[in-house]
Amino acid sequence: ERVALAGLSMGGFGALSLGLRHPDRFGILVGLSPTDMELATQAQPKRKTYTNVFGRPLDKRRVRALNPKRLVAGGGGEGQLVLLAWGSAEPAKFSKGSSRLRASLEKGGVRSAFRVVKGGKHGFSTTWSAETMTWLLREIGRHVAASTR
């Protein structure tokens, strides 16, 4: 319950996907502008970054099966804390994808918290700034403190 798994961008997708599939190992999941692979692979289905992971031709069933939004819709996230941060000015695969994941988390009743950085772009200078890191550490600290009571 006090082990965290975090990632940003495509690593955020990986951290969330892996963590949601292994709730016995990870109590805290952090996605900083996690890529929504369904949106990413629709827009750029032949991009080498995606075909290296999901095959050529792209295995769309596998993309869907590993999508955190769909994992949560299928009951994932129970007993976990999911923290998401993203910028409002990021490309859709990050901003729209994070909004869709947020809706799924809220609908599923998964304990979660969100930070949307107004005007934030895909990078450290705006979205993954010291303010975002402070927010994350504060949220993780609350979770850990509550789990030790």
Protein backbone atom coordinates (compact mmCIF):
# COMPACT_ATOMS: atom_id res chain seq x y z
CA GLU A 1 0.00 0.00 0.00
CA ARG A 2 3.00 2.32 0.39
CA VAL A 3 4.87 1.34 -2.76
CA ALA A 4 4.54 3.90 -5.55
CA LEU A 5 5.00 3.49 -9.28
CA ALA A 6 5.36 6.68 -11.30
CA GLY A 7 6.08 7.72 -14.85
CA LEU A 8 5.71 10.58 -17.27
CA SER A 9 4.42 10.65 -20.82
CA MET A 10 4.71 7.15 -22.30
CA GLY A 11 6.24 6.07 -18.98
CA GLY A 12 3.08 7.37 -17.28
CA PHE A 13 1.05 5.05 -19.48
CA GLY A 14 3.38 2.19 -18.53
CA ALA A 15 3.30 2.93 -14.81
CA LEU A 16 -0.48 3.15 -14.72
CA SER A 17 -1.02 0.10 -16.92
CA LEU A 18 1.43 -2.05 -14.98
CA GLY A 19 0.29 -0.79 -11.59
CA LEU A 20 -3.40 -1.31 -12.29
CA ARG A 21 -2.68 -4.88 -13.36
CA HIS A 22 -0.67 -5.56 -10.18
CA PRO A 23 -2.55 -3.95 -7.28
CA ASP A 24 -0.92 -6.43 -4.88
CA ARG A 25 2.46 -4.77 -5.58
CA PHE A 26 1.63 -1.07 -5.96
CA GLY A 27 -0.58 1.03 -3.71
CA ILE A 28 0.18 4.41 -5.30
CA LEU A 29 0.20 5.10 -9.04
CA VAL A 30 1.37 8.38 -10.54
CA GLY A 31 0.88 9.46 -14.14
CA LEU A 32 2.41 12.74 -15.26
CA SER A 33 0.81 13.49 -18.62
CA PRO A 34 0.31 9.79 -19.34
CA THR A 35 -0.10 8.90 -22.99
CA ASP A 36 -3.51 7.55 -23.95
CA MET A 37 -2.29 4.88 -26.36
CA GLU A 38 -5.65 4.53 -28.07
CA LEU A 39 -5.56 8.20 -29.04
CA ALA A 40 -1.83 8.12 -29.83
CA THR A 41 -2.02 5.11 -32.09
CA GLN A 42 -5.10 6.42 -33.90
CA ALA A 43 -3.22 9.60 -34.77
CA GLN A 44 0.13 7.97 -35.56
CA PRO A 45 -0.44 4.22 -36.01
CA LYS A 46 2.86 3.60 -37.79
CA ARG A 47 5.10 5.58 -35.43
CA LYS A 48 8.08 3.36 -34.58
CA THR A 49 7.73 4.08 -30.86
CA TYR A 50 4.29 2.46 -30.92
CA THR A 51 4.93 -0.36 -33.38
CA ASN A 52 8.01 -1.44 -31.39
CA VAL A 53 5.72 -2.00 -28.40
CA PHE A 54 2.45 -3.06 -30.03
CA GLY A 55 3.69 -4.75 -33.21
CA ARG A 56 3.37 -4.10 -36.91
CA PRO A 57 0.63 -4.14 -37.87
CA LEU A 58 -0.50 -2.49 -34.67
CA ASP A 59 -2.29 -4.88 -32.30
CA LYS A 60 -5.26 -2.65 -31.43
CA ARG A 61 -6.73 -5.25 -29.07
CA ARG A 62 -3.55 -5.17 -27.01
CA VAL A 63 -3.52 -1.36 -27.03
CA ARG A 64 -7.10 -1.34 -25.67
CA ALA A 65 -6.41 -4.10 -23.14
CA LEU A 66 -3.48 -2.18 -21.61
CA ASN A 67 -5.16 1.25 -21.62
CA PRO A 68 -5.48 2.47 -18.00
CA LYS A 69 -8.92 3.95 -18.74
CA ARG A 70 -10.19 0.53 -19.78
CA LEU A 71 -8.43 -1.23 -16.89
CA VAL A 72 -10.21 1.09 -14.46
CA ALA A 73 -13.53 0.57 -16.26
CA GLY A 74 -12.99 -3.16 -15.77
CA GLY A 75 -12.60 -2.74 -12.00
CA GLY A 76 -8.92 -1.83 -11.70
CA GLY A 77 -7.69 0.64 -9.12
CA GLU A 78 -9.61 -0.70 -6.14
CA GLY A 79 -7.59 -0.08 -2.99
CA GLN A 80 -5.04 2.04 -4.84
CA LEU A 81 -4.39 5.77 -4.95
CA VAL A 82 -4.04 7.18 -8.47
CA LEU A 83 -2.53 10.63 -8.95
CA LEU A 84 -2.64 12.36 -12.34
CA ALA A 85 -1.20 15.67 -13.47
CA TRP A 86 -1.31 17.13 -16.97
CA GLY A 87 -1.28 20.43 -18.80
CA SER A 88 -4.31 21.90 -20.50
CA ALA A 89 -2.24 22.89 -23.57
CA GLU A 90 -0.79 19.44 -24.22
CA PRO A 91 -1.63 17.39 -27.33
CA ALA A 92 -4.87 15.38 -27.11
CA LYS A 93 -3.14 12.05 -26.43
CA PHE A 94 -2.10 13.57 -23.09
CA SER A 95 -4.75 16.17 -22.17
CA LYS A 96 -7.86 14.50 -23.58
CA GLY A 97 -6.54 11.10 -22.57
CA SER A 98 -5.96 12.24 -18.98
CA SER A 99 -9.43 13.78 -18.86
CA ARG A 100 -10.92 10.49 -20.08
CA LEU A 101 -8.94 8.56 -17.47
CA ARG A 102 -10.07 10.99 -14.78
CA ALA A 103 -13.71 10.38 -15.72
CA SER A 104 -13.17 6.63 -15.56
CA LEU A 105 -11.49 6.87 -12.14
CA GLU A 106 -14.29 9.04 -10.78
CA LYS A 107 -16.99 6.79 -12.22
CA GLY A 108 -15.27 3.73 -10.76
CA GLY A 109 -14.94 5.31 -7.33
CA VAL A 110 -11.16 4.89 -7.37
CA ARG A 111 -9.35 7.01 -4.80
CA SER A 112 -7.60 9.62 -6.89
CA ALA A 113 -6.46 13.22 -7.12
CA PHE A 114 -5.79 15.42 -10.11
CA ARG A 115 -3.79 18.49 -11.04
CA VAL A 116 -4.51 20.23 -14.32
CA VAL A 117 -1.94 22.92 -15.10
CA LYS A 118 -3.69 25.72 -16.97
CA GLY A 119 -1.73 26.43 -20.15
CA GLY A 120 0.74 23.68 -19.27
CA LYS A 121 2.63 22.08 -22.13
CA HIS A 122 4.35 18.70 -22.30
CA GLY A 123 7.45 19.42 -20.25
CA PHE A 124 9.13 20.25 -16.97
CA SER A 125 9.06 24.03 -17.27
CA THR A 126 5.28 24.23 -17.11
CA THR A 127 3.47 20.99 -16.30
CA TRP A 128 5.94 18.84 -14.33
CA SER A 129 7.27 21.82 -12.40
CA ALA A 130 8.30 22.12 -8.76
CA GLU A 131 4.68 23.01 -7.93
CA THR A 132 3.46 19.76 -9.45
CA MET A 133 6.13 17.75 -7.65
CA THR A 134 5.21 19.44 -4.36
CA TRP A 135 1.55 18.57 -4.97
CA LEU A 136 2.48 14.93 -5.69
CA LEU A 137 4.63 14.58 -2.60
CA ARG A 138 1.92 16.14 -0.45
CA GLU A 139 -0.70 13.69 -1.81
CA ILE A 140 1.62 10.70 -1.36
CA GLY A 141 2.46 11.88 2.18
CA ARG A 142 -1.24 12.03 3.08
CA HIS A 143 -1.75 8.51 1.78
CA VAL A 144 1.27 7.09 3.62
CA ALA A 145 0.34 8.86 6.86
CA ALA A 146 -3.20 7.48 6.68
CA SER A 147 -1.93 3.94 5.99
CA THR A 148 0.25 3.94 9.13
CA ARG A 149 -2.67 4.68 11.47
